[in-house]
Amino acid sequence: MTIAAPRLYRLLAVLFCWLSTQGPALSADPLARAALQSQGTLYAGQQILVDVDVLVPNYFLQSPQFPAIDIPGAIVTLDDGRALNLNETIDGTPYSGIRRTYIIVPQAAGDFTLPPVPITFGYAAVPPQATRGEVTFPPLRFTVRSAPGTAGDSPGIVAAKVSVSQELDQDPAQLKAGDTMVRTVTVRAEGLRAMMIPEPDFTAPQGVRLYRQDPSLSEETDRNGQSIAGLRKDVASYLFQDAGNYVLPAVTVSWFDPASAKTQSATAPAVSVTVSAAAALSPALAPPAPEPQRDAFDWLHLALIGGIVLLTASSLWVAANGLSRLEAWWQERRSRERQSEPAFFRQVEQACKSGRDDAIARALDAWSRKAGAMPLELWLGRFADAETKQVYQAWQRTRYASQQASQPLGAGLLLPGLKKAREAWLMQETEAPGRKPALLPLNPTMP
């Protein structure tokens, strides 16, 4: 007993050390965090960027569903740019994460807080078993001040830089009475969405009619799809009825730069217009010809023409109605084809051939939802062979768990096995057409 006691103590010590290292991994939970990407003093009307991260132990099996959020007194949108994948180690536990950015534009000064909205996802708590996860937005709080020079309910323009340019469709010194000139003014605001750019002030001098068109809004983005600047294009037409000299007023846009804390302005210059008189018609040299005698009205000819017109109109109506029905039928058929399961699977094939992990993940998620094969891990366990399941699990670990693994590990090997699994699934559906389809539940209960 005295000889075996030291060995027993050493065994217990090793076991204790192993349990202490495994404890954090076994008890680790998903988490969410939020941080302000915009630094310095924040102003009303400024585009404020907030990064929201969702992190899980091991790796994701279903991407987080970032919801739309509502903050009173602010306009909130989710940035359309590409999501950022994260890999971190927290308290000795490896985490995989996904980051999305929200764009918040406060409409007035005050304090703002992110609402506790839930974010749902699926992850491998105990690989390869799928677990349903849910976290809520952290209570991130920030304070917004009023920009100098703003008044009333409008926050004004708060941007890094604003430029104004204009184009004319013809030479303003070569116009004649009755001509119309089109003036196009484009406002570009860095760090501000196009919908937040206010309407420029257009005015016309006396004797000139002004006609405005609906503005055109667009976004200038970088290669990752994130917005760089907003573009607003306004088109105005000026009708000059009388000859003379006119000046179209300049279009000036003022904005506040939060970096320099100064108000600046950009201007499209005024336009000087010279309008000459229209050419006069030459008078007639000969006396007017006598008015010709009118023939008796031919009622029979009028009735014949009316019948022909009525028949033609009826034929055109029948043809148009038939074409409309045919077009509606064709559009409905095309829509059904685009929304069919084979169409979604063709997108999976194209994504696998491209080799891009983000495209493959989106295509697989869309097809599995359409086919009812969710979670895809369980569906593969039912219809795929062992090699395909291993390739899919390895690909998932490569995408979410490690930055050092080979990127194309599963892209080229997954498609053949996935096709065979789909063929087996379709064959089962064909062999038993009278029974309930053997699809997996649309929203399975995750353990």
Protein backbone atom coordinates (compact mmCIF):
# COMPACT_ATOMS: atom_id res chain seq x y z
CA MET A 1 0.00 0.00 0.00
CA THR A 2 2.83 2.40 0.81
CA ILE A 3 4.44 1.78 -2.59
CA ALA A 4 1.20 2.28 -4.58
CA ALA A 5 0.13 5.47 -2.80
CA PRO A 6 2.52 7.83 -4.68
CA ARG A 7 1.34 6.42 -8.02
CA LEU A 8 -2.28 6.96 -7.01
CA TYR A 9 -1.52 10.56 -6.03
CA ARG A 10 0.20 11.21 -9.36
CA LEU A 11 -2.74 9.70 -11.27
CA LEU A 12 -5.22 11.88 -9.38
CA ALA A 13 -3.08 14.99 -10.06
CA VAL A 14 -2.96 14.26 -13.81
CA LEU A 15 -6.73 13.68 -13.87
CA PHE A 16 -7.32 16.96 -12.02
CA CYS A 17 -5.14 18.89 -14.48
CA TRP A 18 -6.96 17.36 -17.47
CA LEU A 19 -10.37 18.25 -16.04
CA SER A 20 -9.21 21.80 -15.30
CA THR A 21 -8.15 22.29 -18.94
CA GLN A 22 -11.35 20.77 -20.33
CA GLY A 23 -13.67 22.62 -17.99
CA PRO A 24 -13.85 25.92 -19.90
CA ALA A 25 -14.50 24.17 -23.22
CA LEU A 26 -17.28 22.05 -21.72
CA SER A 27 -18.94 25.00 -20.00
CA ALA A 28 -18.32 27.65 -22.69
CA ASP A 29 -21.43 29.43 -23.99
CA PRO A 30 -22.05 31.59 -27.05
CA LEU A 31 -21.69 35.30 -26.53
CA ALA A 32 -22.41 38.60 -28.28
CA ARG A 33 -20.57 41.89 -28.09
CA ALA A 34 -20.94 45.32 -29.69
CA ALA A 35 -18.48 48.15 -30.25
CA LEU A 36 -18.54 51.61 -31.81
CA GLN A 37 -16.55 51.75 -35.02
CA SER A 38 -17.07 55.52 -35.22
CA GLN A 39 -14.70 57.37 -32.88
CA GLY A 40 -14.62 60.85 -31.39
CA THR A 41 -17.57 63.12 -30.72
CA LEU A 42 -20.79 61.92 -32.31
CA TYR A 43 -23.30 64.34 -33.85
CA ALA A 44 -26.96 64.20 -34.90
CA GLY A 45 -27.19 63.37 -38.60
CA GLN A 46 -23.84 61.56 -38.56
CA GLN A 47 -23.57 58.01 -39.89
CA ILE A 48 -22.52 56.01 -36.79
CA LEU A 49 -21.14 52.49 -37.38
CA VAL A 50 -21.68 49.81 -34.72
CA ASP A 51 -19.98 46.38 -35.05
CA VAL A 52 -21.91 43.44 -33.57
CA ASP A 53 -20.03 40.13 -33.05
CA VAL A 54 -21.57 36.70 -32.37
CA LEU A 55 -19.06 34.09 -31.10
CA VAL A 56 -19.58 30.38 -30.41
CA PRO A 57 -17.34 27.56 -29.15
CA ASN A 58 -16.03 25.33 -31.97
CA TYR A 59 -17.84 26.44 -35.18
CA PHE A 60 -21.17 27.51 -36.69
CA LEU A 61 -23.58 25.08 -38.34
CA GLN A 62 -26.10 27.80 -39.21
CA SER A 63 -25.22 31.46 -39.76
CA PRO A 64 -26.54 34.01 -37.25
CA GLN A 65 -29.72 35.78 -38.30
CA PHE A 66 -28.97 39.45 -37.62
CA PRO A 67 -32.38 41.14 -37.24
CA ALA A 68 -33.58 44.61 -38.13
CA ILE A 69 -33.58 46.80 -35.02
CA ASP A 70 -35.55 49.90 -34.07
CA ILE A 71 -34.04 52.74 -32.04
CA PRO A 72 -36.40 55.67 -31.30
CA GLY A 73 -35.17 58.90 -32.84
CA ALA A 74 -32.73 57.23 -35.25
CA ILE A 75 -32.67 55.55 -38.66
CA VAL A 76 -31.02 52.10 -38.45
CA THR A 77 -29.95 49.90 -41.37
CA LEU A 78 -27.80 46.76 -41.64
CA ASP A 79 -24.73 47.32 -43.82
CA ASP A 80 -24.96 45.36 -47.08
CA GLY A 81 -21.22 44.62 -47.04
CA ARG A 82 -19.71 41.17 -46.58
CA ALA A 83 -19.74 39.64 -43.07
CA LEU A 84 -16.35 39.27 -41.32
CA ASN A 85 -15.32 35.86 -39.96
CA LEU A 86 -13.52 35.80 -36.59
CA ASN A 87 -11.34 33.26 -34.75
CA GLU A 88 -10.40 33.94 -31.13
CA THR A 89 -9.35 32.15 -27.96
CA ILE A 90 -11.19 33.28 -24.83
CA ASP A 91 -10.14 31.83 -21.42
CA GLY A 92 -8.45 28.95 -23.21
CA THR A 93 -11.48 28.10 -25.35
CA PRO A 94 -11.34 28.51 -29.17
CA TYR A 95 -14.23 30.57 -30.53
CA SER A 96 -15.52 31.17 -34.06
CA GLY A 97 -17.35 34.41 -34.76
CA ILE A 98 -19.21 36.46 -37.37
CA ARG A 99 -19.29 40.26 -37.40
CA ARG A 100 -21.91 42.50 -39.06
CA THR A 101 -22.10 46.29 -39.01
CA TYR A 102 -25.20 48.39 -38.29
CA ILE A 103 -25.49 51.99 -39.58
CA ILE A 104 -27.25 54.32 -37.13
CA VAL A 105 -28.16 57.90 -38.10
CA PRO A 106 -29.57 59.81 -35.08
CA GLN A 107 -32.06 62.54 -35.97
CA ALA A 108 -31.54 64.57 -32.78
CA ALA A 109 -29.11 64.91 -29.89
CA GLY A 110 -29.44 62.57 -26.90
CA ASP A 111 -28.51 59.17 -25.48
CA PHE A 112 -29.07 56.01 -27.52
CA THR A 113 -28.93 52.33 -26.49
CA LEU A 114 -29.04 49.12 -28.54
CA PRO A 115 -32.28 47.21 -27.84
CA PRO A 116 -32.06 43.65 -26.37
CA VAL A 117 -33.09 41.93 -29.62
CA PRO A 118 -32.30 38.17 -29.92
CA ILE A 119 -29.96 36.68 -32.54
CA THR A 120 -30.48 32.98 -33.37
CA PHE A 121 -28.03 30.51 -34.94
CA GLY A 122 -26.84 26.88 -34.92
CA TYR A 123 -23.43 25.70 -33.75
CA ALA A 124 -21.44 22.59 -32.83
CA ALA A 125 -21.46 22.65 -29.03
CA VAL A 126 -20.48 18.94 -29.07
CA PRO A 127 -19.15 18.25 -32.60
CA PRO A 128 -20.63 17.18 -34.87
CA GLN A 129 -23.96 17.48 -33.08
CA ALA A 130 -26.01 20.60 -33.96
CA THR A 131 -27.16 22.85 -31.12
CA ARG A 132 -29.53 25.78 -31.34
CA GLY A 133 -28.10 28.99 -29.88
CA GLU A 134 -29.46 32.43 -29.06
CA VAL A 135 -27.84 35.63 -27.78
CA THR A 136 -29.12 39.18 -27.37
CA PHE A 137 -27.66 42.53 -28.34
CA PRO A 138 -25.35 43.93 -25.64
CA PRO A 139 -26.69 47.18 -24.09
CA LEU A 140 -24.23 49.43 -25.93
CA ARG A 141 -24.90 53.08 -25.06
CA PHE A 142 -23.62 56.21 -26.79
CA THR A 143 -24.30 59.95 -26.64
CA VAL A 144 -24.99 62.23 -29.62
CA ARG A 145 -24.58 66.01 -29.70
CA SER A 146 -26.17 68.60 -31.99
CA ALA A 147 -23.98 69.75 -34.85
CA PRO A 148 -23.12 73.48 -34.75
CA GLY A 149 -25.23 75.58 -37.10
CA THR A 150 -28.23 73.20 -37.20
CA ALA A 151 -31.67 74.27 -36.09
CA GLY A 152 -35.14 72.82 -35.90
CA ASP A 153 -35.93 69.14 -36.43
CA SER A 154 -33.52 68.67 -39.36
CA PRO A 155 -30.04 67.47 -38.32
CA GLY A 156 -28.44 68.86 -41.51
CA ILE A 157 -25.64 67.13 -43.39
CA VAL A 158 -22.90 65.56 -41.25
CA ALA A 159 -20.28 63.93 -43.49
CA ALA A 160 -16.53 63.63 -44.01
CA LYS A 161 -16.60 65.42 -47.37
CA VAL A 162 -19.26 66.74 -49.77
CA SER A 163 -18.77 67.72 -53.41
CA VAL A 164 -21.26 69.21 -55.90
CA SER A 165 -20.98 68.99 -59.70
CA GLN A 166 -23.29 69.94 -62.56
CA GLU A 167 -23.80 69.18 -66.26
CA LEU A 168 -25.73 71.05 -68.99
CA ASP A 169 -27.20 69.31 -72.01
CA GLN A 170 -26.38 72.24 -74.38
CA ASP A 171 -24.48 75.50 -74.69
CA PRO A 172 -26.29 78.15 -72.55
CA ALA A 173 -25.17 80.92 -74.96
CA GLN A 174 -26.83 79.35 -78.03
CA LEU A 175 -30.49 79.14 -76.96
CA LYS A 176 -33.53 80.55 -78.72
CA ALA A 177 -36.89 81.55 -77.30
CA GLY A 178 -38.96 78.43 -76.61
CA ASP A 179 -35.91 76.20 -76.01
CA THR A 180 -35.44 74.03 -72.91
CA MET A 181 -32.10 73.39 -71.17
CA VAL A 182 -31.54 70.47 -68.78
CA ARG A 183 -29.33 71.00 -65.71
CA THR A 184 -28.08 67.92 -63.79
CA VAL A 185 -26.63 68.47 -60.30
CA THR A 186 -24.87 65.60 -58.50
CA VAL A 187 -24.11 65.69 -54.74
CA ARG A 188 -21.52 63.20 -53.40
CA ALA A 189 -21.27 62.80 -49.60
CA GLU A 190 -18.54 60.61 -48.08
CA GLY A 191 -19.62 58.73 -44.95
CA LEU A 192 -23.33 59.33 -45.56
CA ARG A 193 -26.07 57.26 -47.22
CA ALA A 194 -27.71 58.74 -50.31
CA MET A 195 -31.16 58.79 -48.70
CA MET A 196 -29.82 61.12 -45.99
CA ILE A 197 -28.68 63.81 -48.46
CA PRO A 198 -31.30 66.61 -48.40
CA GLU A 199 -32.82 68.10 -51.57
CA PRO A 200 -30.69 70.89 -53.08
CA ASP A 201 -32.35 74.29 -53.56
CA PHE A 202 -33.24 74.97 -57.21
CA THR A 203 -34.71 78.34 -58.21
CA ALA A 204 -35.44 79.94 -61.57
CA PRO A 205 -35.30 83.62 -62.55
CA GLN A 206 -38.45 85.50 -63.49
CA GLY A 207 -39.84 84.53 -66.89
CA VAL A 208 -38.30 81.02 -66.80
CA ARG A 209 -40.29 77.91 -66.00
CA LEU A 210 -38.66 75.21 -63.85
CA TYR A 211 -39.56 71.50 -64.06
CA ARG A 212 -38.06 69.01 -61.54
CA GLN A 213 -37.63 65.26 -61.97
CA ASP A 214 -37.52 62.63 -59.22
CA PRO A 215 -33.97 62.33 -57.82
CA SER A 216 -31.73 59.32 -58.46
CA LEU A 217 -30.08 57.82 -55.34
CA SER A 218 -27.15 55.38 -55.41
CA GLU A 219 -24.24 54.19 -53.27
CA GLU A 220 -20.52 54.16 -54.04
CA THR A 221 -19.05 50.99 -52.48
CA ASP A 222 -15.65 49.35 -52.04
CA ARG A 223 -14.70 45.84 -53.18
CA ASN A 224 -16.26 44.32 -50.03
CA GLY A 225 -19.62 45.95 -50.76
CA GLN A 226 -19.40 48.50 -47.93
CA SER A 227 -20.69 51.99 -48.63
CA ILE A 228 -18.09 54.72 -49.17
CA ALA A 229 -20.26 57.64 -50.24
CA GLY A 230 -23.85 58.44 -51.11
CA LEU A 231 -24.74 59.93 -54.51
CA ARG A 232 -27.83 62.05 -55.17
CA LYS A 233 -28.55 63.21 -58.74
CA ASP A 234 -31.20 65.89 -59.37
CA VAL A 235 -32.36 66.85 -62.87
CA ALA A 236 -34.07 70.21 -63.57
CA SER A 237 -35.39 71.51 -66.91
CA TYR A 238 -35.57 75.26 -67.60
CA LEU A 239 -37.99 76.56 -70.28
CA PHE A 240 -37.04 79.97 -71.73
CA GLN A 241 -40.14 81.47 -73.37
CA ASP A 242 -38.75 84.94 -74.18
CA ALA A 243 -35.45 86.27 -75.49
CA GLY A 244 -33.08 87.89 -73.02
CA ASN A 245 -30.20 87.29 -70.61
CA TYR A 246 -30.78 85.09 -67.57
CA VAL A 247 -28.72 83.78 -64.64
CA LEU A 248 -29.54 80.41 -63.09
CA PRO A 249 -28.62 80.69 -59.38
CA ALA A 250 -25.78 78.62 -57.95
CA VAL A 251 -26.63 75.43 -56.02
CA THR A 252 -24.85 75.43 -52.64
CA VAL A 253 -24.73 72.54 -50.13
CA SER A 254 -23.38 73.11 -46.59
CA TRP A 255 -22.23 70.31 -44.31
CA PHE A 256 -20.57 69.76 -40.93
CA ASP A 257 -17.33 67.75 -40.78
CA PRO A 258 -17.19 65.84 -37.44
CA ALA A 259 -13.42 65.25 -37.76
CA SER A 260 -12.53 68.96 -37.96
CA ALA A 261 -15.68 70.18 -36.13
CA LYS A 262 -16.14 72.83 -38.85
CA THR A 263 -18.98 73.74 -41.21
CA GLN A 264 -18.04 73.79 -44.88
CA SER A 265 -19.84 74.25 -48.19
CA ALA A 266 -19.64 73.10 -51.81
CA THR A 267 -21.19 74.91 -54.77
CA ALA A 268 -22.23 74.26 -58.34
CA PRO A 269 -21.61 77.70 -59.98
CA ALA A 270 -24.32 79.91 -61.41
CA VAL A 271 -25.07 79.60 -65.13
CA SER A 272 -25.36 82.62 -67.45
CA VAL A 273 -27.87 82.02 -70.25
CA THR A 274 -28.32 84.05 -73.44
CA VAL A 275 -31.59 83.50 -75.31
CA SER A 276 -32.09 85.01 -78.78
CA ALA A 277 -35.41 85.66 -80.48
CA ALA A 278 -36.92 82.87 -82.51
CA ALA A 279 -36.80 83.21 -86.33
CA ALA A 280 -39.86 85.10 -87.66
CA LEU A 281 -42.05 83.46 -90.30
CA SER A 282 -41.90 85.15 -93.77
CA PRO A 283 -45.21 86.81 -94.84
CA ALA A 284 -47.18 85.45 -97.77
CA LEU A 285 -46.48 87.27 -101.06
CA ALA A 286 -49.64 86.23 -102.93
CA PRO A 287 -53.20 87.04 -101.87
CA PRO A 288 -55.00 84.27 -100.05
CA ALA A 289 -56.67 81.72 -102.28
CA PRO A 290 -60.46 81.60 -102.27
CA GLU A 291 -62.03 79.09 -99.94
CA PRO A 292 -62.86 75.90 -101.87
CA GLN A 293 -66.44 74.81 -102.17
CA ARG A 294 -67.39 72.00 -99.84
CA ASP A 295 -68.79 68.80 -101.27
CA ALA A 296 -71.92 67.18 -99.90
CA PHE A 297 -71.22 65.11 -96.81
CA ASP A 298 -70.97 61.35 -97.58
CA TRP A 299 -72.66 59.53 -94.67
CA LEU A 300 -72.17 56.10 -96.25
CA HIS A 301 -68.43 56.65 -96.48
CA LEU A 302 -68.35 57.73 -92.81
CA ALA A 303 -70.26 54.60 -91.73
CA LEU A 304 -67.87 52.40 -93.70
CA ILE A 305 -64.82 54.01 -92.10
CA GLY A 306 -66.42 53.76 -88.64
CA GLY A 307 -67.09 50.04 -89.13
CA ILE A 308 -63.52 49.42 -90.23
CA VAL A 309 -62.17 51.35 -87.24
CA LEU A 310 -64.45 49.44 -84.84
CA LEU A 311 -63.45 46.08 -86.32
CA THR A 312 -59.77 46.98 -86.16
CA ALA A 313 -60.08 48.13 -82.54
CA SER A 314 -61.87 44.92 -81.57
CA SER A 315 -59.20 42.81 -83.22
CA LEU A 316 -56.44 44.72 -81.49
CA TRP A 317 -58.21 44.37 -78.13
CA VAL A 318 -58.59 40.60 -78.55
CA ALA A 319 -54.94 40.26 -79.61
CA ALA A 320 -53.70 42.42 -76.72
CA ASN A 321 -55.81 40.50 -74.21
CA GLY A 322 -54.49 37.18 -75.53
CA LEU A 323 -50.89 38.40 -75.43
CA SER A 324 -51.36 39.65 -71.87
CA ARG A 325 -52.67 36.27 -70.76
CA LEU A 326 -49.86 34.49 -72.57
CA GLU A 327 -47.26 36.77 -71.00
CA ALA A 328 -48.76 36.29 -67.52
CA TRP A 329 -48.73 32.51 -67.98
CA TRP A 330 -45.12 32.60 -69.17
CA GLN A 331 -44.01 34.82 -66.27
CA GLU A 332 -45.75 32.54 -63.77
CA ARG A 333 -44.06 29.50 -65.26
CA ARG A 334 -40.63 31.17 -65.20
CA SER A 335 -41.21 32.20 -61.57
CA ARG A 336 -42.09 28.61 -60.60
CA GLU A 337 -38.97 27.32 -62.33
CA ARG A 338 -36.73 29.88 -60.59
CA GLN A 339 -38.23 28.98 -57.22
CA SER A 340 -38.04 25.19 -57.74
CA GLU A 341 -35.75 22.84 -55.86
CA PRO A 342 -33.69 21.92 -59.00
CA ALA A 343 -33.02 25.64 -59.65
CA PHE A 344 -31.75 26.11 -56.10
CA PHE A 345 -29.53 23.01 -56.44
CA ARG A 346 -28.03 24.38 -59.68
CA GLN A 347 -26.96 27.40 -57.65
CA VAL A 348 -25.22 25.02 -55.23
CA GLU A 349 -23.37 23.42 -58.17
CA GLN A 350 -22.26 26.80 -59.52
CA ALA A 351 -21.11 27.92 -56.05
CA CYS A 352 -19.09 24.71 -55.51
CA LYS A 353 -17.40 25.17 -58.89
CA SER A 354 -16.48 28.75 -57.97
CA GLY A 355 -14.69 27.55 -54.81
CA ARG A 356 -15.81 30.54 -52.69
CA ASP A 357 -16.77 29.46 -49.18
CA ASP A 358 -19.23 32.30 -48.61
CA ALA A 359 -21.04 31.57 -51.89
CA ILE A 360 -21.16 27.81 -51.10
CA ALA A 361 -22.57 28.48 -47.62
CA ARG A 362 -25.30 30.80 -48.94
CA ALA A 363 -26.28 28.40 -51.74
CA LEU A 364 -26.39 25.36 -49.39
CA ASP A 365 -28.48 27.27 -46.86
CA ALA A 366 -30.98 28.42 -49.54
CA TRP A 367 -31.28 24.95 -51.13
CA SER A 368 -31.64 23.13 -47.79
CA ARG A 369 -34.45 25.52 -46.81
CA LYS A 370 -36.22 25.01 -50.17
CA ALA A 371 -35.88 21.19 -50.05
CA GLY A 372 -36.70 20.95 -46.35
CA ALA A 373 -33.28 19.35 -45.70
CA MET A 374 -32.58 21.19 -42.46
CA PRO A 375 -30.33 20.91 -40.61
CA LEU A 376 -28.16 19.84 -43.52
CA GLU A 377 -25.93 17.82 -41.16
CA LEU A 378 -28.84 15.52 -40.26
CA TRP A 379 -30.02 15.26 -43.87
CA LEU A 380 -26.56 14.15 -44.99
CA GLY A 381 -26.52 11.61 -42.17
CA ARG A 382 -29.64 10.04 -43.71
CA PHE A 383 -28.88 10.10 -47.44
CA ALA A 384 -25.12 10.67 -47.91
CA ASP A 385 -22.26 8.19 -47.70
CA ALA A 386 -19.62 8.30 -44.97
CA GLU A 387 -17.02 10.01 -47.16
CA THR A 388 -19.38 12.89 -48.05
CA LYS A 389 -20.29 13.43 -44.40
CA GLN A 390 -16.62 13.56 -43.47
CA VAL A 391 -15.91 16.06 -46.27
CA TYR A 392 -18.79 18.29 -45.14
CA GLN A 393 -17.67 18.25 -41.49
CA ALA A 394 -14.08 19.01 -42.51
CA TRP A 395 -15.28 21.87 -44.70
CA GLN A 396 -17.31 23.32 -41.83
CA ARG A 397 -14.30 23.20 -39.54
CA THR A 398 -12.15 24.80 -42.23
CA ARG A 399 -14.64 27.64 -42.73
CA TYR A 400 -15.39 28.54 -39.12
CA ALA A 401 -12.83 26.99 -36.79
CA SER A 402 -9.31 27.61 -38.14
CA GLN A 403 -7.56 30.18 -40.28
CA GLN A 404 -4.58 27.85 -40.89
CA ALA A 405 -6.47 25.03 -42.66
CA SER A 406 -6.47 24.67 -46.44
CA GLN A 407 -9.30 26.77 -47.85
CA PRO A 408 -10.47 24.50 -50.74
CA LEU A 409 -10.66 21.38 -48.53
CA GLY A 410 -14.33 20.63 -49.16
CA ALA A 411 -15.35 22.71 -52.15
CA GLY A 412 -14.25 20.28 -54.87
CA LEU A 413 -15.04 17.03 -52.99
CA LEU A 414 -18.44 17.92 -51.56
CA LEU A 415 -20.41 18.30 -54.83
CA PRO A 416 -20.18 14.66 -56.14
CA GLY A 417 -21.31 13.21 -52.82
CA LEU A 418 -24.02 15.81 -52.47
CA LYS A 419 -25.36 14.91 -55.93
CA LYS A 420 -25.50 11.19 -54.99
CA ALA A 421 -27.30 12.00 -51.73
CA ARG A 422 -29.85 14.12 -53.62
CA GLU A 423 -30.42 11.34 -56.16
CA ALA A 424 -31.09 8.90 -53.30
CA TRP A 425 -33.49 11.37 -51.73
CA LEU A 426 -35.35 11.97 -55.02
CA MET A 427 -35.51 8.21 -55.71
CA GLN A 428 -37.12 7.64 -52.32
CA GLU A 429 -39.69 10.35 -53.11
CA THR A 430 -40.44 8.79 -56.54
CA GLU A 431 -40.82 5.22 -55.22
CA ALA A 432 -43.42 6.25 -52.63
CA PRO A 433 -45.53 8.98 -54.29
CA GLY A 434 -48.64 8.20 -52.26
CA ARG A 435 -47.15 8.64 -48.84
CA LYS A 436 -46.13 11.76 -46.99
CA PRO A 437 -42.81 13.12 -48.36
CA ALA A 438 -39.87 11.85 -46.36
CA LEU A 439 -38.41 15.31 -45.88
CA LEU A 440 -36.77 16.44 -42.70
CA PRO A 441 -38.76 18.96 -40.59
CA LEU A 442 -38.42 22.55 -41.81
CA ASN A 443 -37.53 23.76 -38.29
CA PRO A 444 -36.10 20.73 -36.45
CA THR A 445 -35.73 20.86 -32.70
CA MET A 446 -32.04 21.21 -31.93
CA PRO A 447 -30.75 19.54 -28.76
